[in-house]
Amino acid sequence: MKHYWSQASDKFAQLSAREKWLITLCGFVAILLGLFTLLVEPAYLAKKQLEQQISTTKLNSQRLEADVLLMTAKLSKDPDQEINMRYKQLVTESQLLSEQLSNIIENLISPSEMANLLESVLRESKKLKLVSLVSQRAEPIVSRENDNHGSGYYLHPVRIELTGSYFDIVQYLESLESMPVKYYWRTFSYKVEEYPSARLILEVYTLGTREEFIGG
């Protein structure tokens, strides 16, 4: 093995500067593709699945809210047993949808702990440098103009920016993925600035029932 490695090193040393640069570039591209496949793609698919769940729940909730309002108006004008039964059915379905979304949120890390999680995992690495860690303002899942009954669910994003070597950044991401808490990835940016130093900008988020801004 050592012999083959020595031969490869000699051949590489004989290459022109342009050929060395091209080989190094191809190596970095292969590493980045591997990183995307192992770490980013599963998180991206999980994010899309949650977004689909939230979108479906939101649409169903809005439809039910409109039906409830319609039935309420009809009841105030012409009470009827059939309408009463339908009204109760709609209210029950609306409550079930709220419970489903509540269960999703219950299994996620709390907004106040999200920034602490990113920072605590970072402290385990002595070679990474923290550039910034910001808890951004909450975003309502349902727009206020459509939220007639006040669903009260909010998305809480946290943005972290750090620098370090490729392998230290990979170790940090793997540590985050192995944590026994649930959260979702929103954006991911990795850029080599001056070898071997690279910059990682990562935005993750969790859900909560309070709009209050969690500073960080």
Protein backbone atom coordinates (compact mmCIF):
# COMPACT_ATOMS: atom_id res chain seq x y z
CA MET A 1 0.00 0.00 0.00
CA LYS A 2 2.85 2.34 0.90
CA HIS A 3 4.51 1.54 -2.42
CA TYR A 4 1.38 2.45 -4.41
CA TRP A 5 0.94 5.62 -2.38
CA SER A 6 4.55 6.59 -3.09
CA GLN A 7 4.03 5.99 -6.82
CA ALA A 8 0.86 8.08 -6.80
CA SER A 9 2.65 10.89 -4.94
CA ASP A 10 5.49 10.86 -7.46
CA LYS A 11 3.07 10.98 -10.38
CA PHE A 12 1.15 13.81 -8.77
CA ALA A 13 4.39 15.75 -8.18
CA GLN A 14 5.24 15.44 -11.87
CA LEU A 15 1.98 16.99 -12.97
CA SER A 16 1.73 20.59 -14.03
CA ALA A 17 0.27 23.18 -11.67
CA ARG A 18 -2.91 23.30 -13.76
CA GLU A 19 -3.34 19.52 -13.64
CA LYS A 20 -2.77 19.50 -9.87
CA TRP A 21 -5.36 22.23 -9.46
CA LEU A 22 -7.92 20.32 -11.55
CA ILE A 23 -7.36 17.08 -9.58
CA THR A 24 -7.70 18.95 -6.27
CA LEU A 25 -10.87 20.65 -7.48
CA CYS A 26 -12.39 17.34 -8.54
CA GLY A 27 -11.55 15.93 -5.10
CA PHE A 28 -13.33 18.80 -3.35
CA VAL A 29 -16.38 18.38 -5.61
CA ALA A 30 -16.53 14.66 -4.80
CA ILE A 31 -16.28 15.40 -1.07
CA LEU A 32 -19.03 18.03 -1.24
CA LEU A 33 -21.29 15.66 -3.17
CA GLY A 34 -20.67 12.99 -0.55
CA LEU A 35 -21.46 15.49 2.21
CA PHE A 36 -24.70 16.45 0.49
CA THR A 37 -25.76 12.83 0.03
CA LEU A 38 -24.95 11.75 3.60
CA LEU A 39 -26.05 14.80 5.59
CA VAL A 40 -27.95 17.43 3.68
CA GLU A 41 -30.24 15.32 1.47
CA PRO A 42 -31.91 13.37 4.36
CA ALA A 43 -32.46 16.61 6.27
CA TYR A 44 -33.85 18.30 3.15
CA LEU A 45 -36.30 15.45 2.55
CA ALA A 46 -37.43 15.58 6.19
CA LYS A 47 -37.94 19.34 5.86
CA LYS A 48 -40.03 18.92 2.70
CA GLN A 49 -42.13 16.25 4.42
CA LEU A 50 -42.84 18.55 7.39
CA GLU A 51 -43.66 21.44 5.07
CA GLN A 52 -46.12 19.20 3.21
CA GLN A 53 -47.72 18.16 6.52
CA ILE A 54 -48.03 21.76 7.66
CA SER A 55 -49.38 22.90 4.29
CA THR A 56 -52.02 20.15 4.24
CA THR A 57 -53.02 20.82 7.84
CA LYS A 58 -53.20 24.56 7.17
CA LEU A 59 -55.41 24.13 4.09
CA ASN A 60 -57.73 21.72 5.88
CA SER A 61 -57.89 24.01 8.89
CA GLN A 62 -58.77 27.04 6.75
CA ARG A 63 -61.45 25.07 4.90
CA LEU A 64 -62.96 23.87 8.15
CA GLU A 65 -62.87 27.36 9.64
CA ALA A 66 -64.77 28.71 6.64
CA ASP A 67 -67.34 25.91 6.97
CA VAL A 68 -67.73 26.59 10.68
CA LEU A 69 -68.32 30.28 10.05
CA LEU A 70 -70.90 29.44 7.37
CA MET A 71 -72.71 27.01 9.63
CA THR A 72 -72.64 29.54 12.48
CA ALA A 73 -74.32 32.11 10.24
CA LYS A 74 -76.97 29.60 9.17
CA LEU A 75 -77.65 28.55 12.75
CA SER A 76 -78.24 32.14 13.80
CA LYS A 77 -80.95 32.48 11.11
CA ASP A 78 -82.58 29.08 10.87
CA PRO A 79 -81.69 26.49 13.58
CA ASP A 80 -81.92 22.97 12.24
CA GLN A 81 -81.00 19.57 13.62
CA GLU A 82 -79.04 18.51 10.52
CA ILE A 83 -77.05 21.74 10.53
CA ASN A 84 -76.33 21.31 14.23
CA MET A 85 -74.93 17.84 13.61
CA ARG A 86 -72.76 19.05 10.74
CA TYR A 87 -71.56 21.97 12.82
CA LYS A 88 -70.48 19.69 15.66
CA GLN A 89 -68.75 17.40 13.18
CA LEU A 90 -66.76 20.29 11.72
CA VAL A 91 -65.75 21.52 15.17
CA THR A 92 -64.57 18.01 16.07
CA GLU A 93 -62.51 17.72 12.87
CA SER A 94 -60.99 21.12 13.50
CA GLN A 95 -60.00 20.08 17.01
CA LEU A 96 -58.43 16.87 15.69
CA LEU A 97 -56.33 18.83 13.19
CA SER A 98 -55.17 21.14 15.97
CA GLU A 99 -54.21 18.13 18.08
CA GLN A 100 -52.20 16.63 15.19
CA LEU A 101 -50.20 19.82 14.78
CA SER A 102 -49.79 20.07 18.54
CA ASN A 103 -48.32 16.54 18.61
CA ILE A 104 -45.79 17.50 15.92
CA ILE A 105 -44.69 20.50 17.96
CA GLU A 106 -44.57 18.49 21.20
CA ASN A 107 -41.89 16.19 19.76
CA LEU A 108 -39.68 19.08 18.62
CA ILE A 109 -37.00 20.90 20.62
CA SER A 110 -38.33 24.10 22.18
CA PRO A 111 -37.43 27.44 20.51
CA SER A 112 -35.60 28.61 23.65
CA GLU A 113 -33.31 25.53 23.53
CA MET A 114 -32.52 25.62 19.79
CA ALA A 115 -29.69 28.19 19.94
CA ASN A 116 -28.26 26.56 23.07
CA LEU A 117 -28.13 23.22 21.27
CA LEU A 118 -26.12 24.60 18.34
CA GLU A 119 -23.72 26.39 20.68
CA SER A 120 -23.26 23.47 23.09
CA VAL A 121 -22.34 21.09 20.24
CA LEU A 122 -19.96 23.72 18.87
CA ARG A 123 -18.16 23.96 22.21
CA GLU A 124 -17.14 20.31 21.85
CA SER A 125 -15.01 21.26 18.86
CA LYS A 126 -11.94 23.29 19.75
CA LYS A 127 -11.00 23.99 16.13
CA LEU A 128 -14.19 25.60 14.80
CA LYS A 129 -14.66 29.35 15.14
CA LEU A 130 -18.13 30.78 15.76
CA VAL A 131 -18.82 33.84 13.58
CA SER A 132 -22.45 34.46 14.55
CA LEU A 133 -25.40 32.73 16.17
CA VAL A 134 -28.75 34.49 15.73
CA SER A 135 -32.28 33.49 16.70
CA GLN A 136 -34.48 35.09 14.08
CA ARG A 137 -38.00 36.38 14.56
CA ALA A 138 -40.87 33.91 14.64
CA GLU A 139 -43.01 33.42 11.54
CA PRO A 140 -46.69 32.42 11.82
CA ILE A 141 -47.54 29.14 10.09
CA VAL A 142 -50.89 30.57 9.02
CA SER A 143 -50.92 34.17 7.76
CA ARG A 144 -52.70 36.53 10.12
CA GLU A 145 -55.32 37.56 7.55
CA ASN A 146 -56.34 33.89 7.16
CA ASP A 147 -55.99 32.91 10.81
CA ASN A 148 -59.55 33.69 11.90
CA HIS A 149 -59.44 31.62 15.08
CA GLY A 150 -55.85 32.25 16.11
CA SER A 151 -54.07 28.91 15.56
CA GLY A 152 -51.10 30.30 17.49
CA TYR A 153 -48.36 28.19 15.87
CA TYR A 154 -45.07 29.78 14.87
CA LEU A 155 -41.87 28.78 13.08
CA HIS A 156 -38.70 29.74 15.00
CA PRO A 157 -35.52 29.80 12.82
CA VAL A 158 -31.95 29.97 14.15
CA ARG A 159 -28.95 30.90 11.94
CA ILE A 160 -25.38 29.89 12.80
CA GLU A 161 -22.22 30.85 10.88
CA LEU A 162 -18.83 29.30 11.63
CA THR A 163 -15.45 28.62 10.04
CA GLY A 164 -13.03 25.72 10.19
CA SER A 165 -11.63 22.81 8.23
CA TYR A 166 -13.81 20.47 6.20
CA PHE A 167 -13.39 17.52 8.55
CA ASP A 168 -14.14 19.61 11.66
CA ILE A 169 -17.31 20.94 10.01
CA VAL A 170 -18.38 17.41 9.02
CA GLN A 171 -17.84 16.26 12.61
CA TYR A 172 -19.96 19.16 13.87
CA LEU A 173 -22.81 18.32 11.48
CA GLU A 174 -22.67 14.64 12.40
CA SER A 175 -22.83 15.56 16.10
CA LEU A 176 -25.92 17.69 15.45
CA GLU A 177 -27.60 14.87 13.54
CA SER A 178 -26.92 12.39 16.36
CA MET A 179 -28.59 14.55 19.03
CA PRO A 180 -31.70 12.90 20.58
CA VAL A 181 -33.87 15.96 19.89
CA LYS A 182 -35.90 16.82 16.81
CA TYR A 183 -35.61 19.93 14.64
CA TYR A 184 -35.51 20.71 10.91
CA TRP A 185 -32.92 22.11 8.51
CA ARG A 186 -33.93 25.15 6.48
CA THR A 187 -30.84 26.29 4.52
CA PHE A 188 -27.26 25.03 4.19
CA SER A 189 -24.28 26.84 2.69
CA TYR A 190 -20.70 25.51 2.62
CA LYS A 191 -17.86 27.42 0.94
CA VAL A 192 -14.10 26.90 0.90
CA GLU A 193 -12.51 30.31 1.42
CA GLU A 194 -8.79 29.67 1.75
CA TYR A 195 -7.75 26.03 1.99
CA PRO A 196 -8.13 24.37 4.40
CA SER A 197 -10.48 26.94 5.96
CA ALA A 198 -14.16 26.88 4.96
CA ARG A 199 -17.30 28.75 6.00
CA LEU A 200 -20.56 27.07 7.00
CA ILE A 201 -23.85 28.95 7.21
CA LEU A 202 -26.63 26.78 8.59
CA GLU A 203 -30.22 27.69 9.36
CA VAL A 204 -32.42 25.30 11.31
CA TYR A 205 -35.84 25.75 12.82
CA THR A 206 -38.35 24.36 15.26
CA LEU A 207 -42.02 25.13 15.96
CA GLY A 208 -43.69 26.71 18.95
CA THR A 209 -46.98 28.06 20.21
CA ARG A 210 -45.66 31.48 21.21
CA GLU A 211 -44.67 34.35 18.97
CA GLU A 212 -42.19 35.88 21.43
CA PHE A 213 -38.75 36.50 19.91
CA ILE A 214 -36.11 34.23 21.47
CA GLY A 215 -32.92 36.30 21.58
CA GLY A 216 -29.53 34.79 20.79
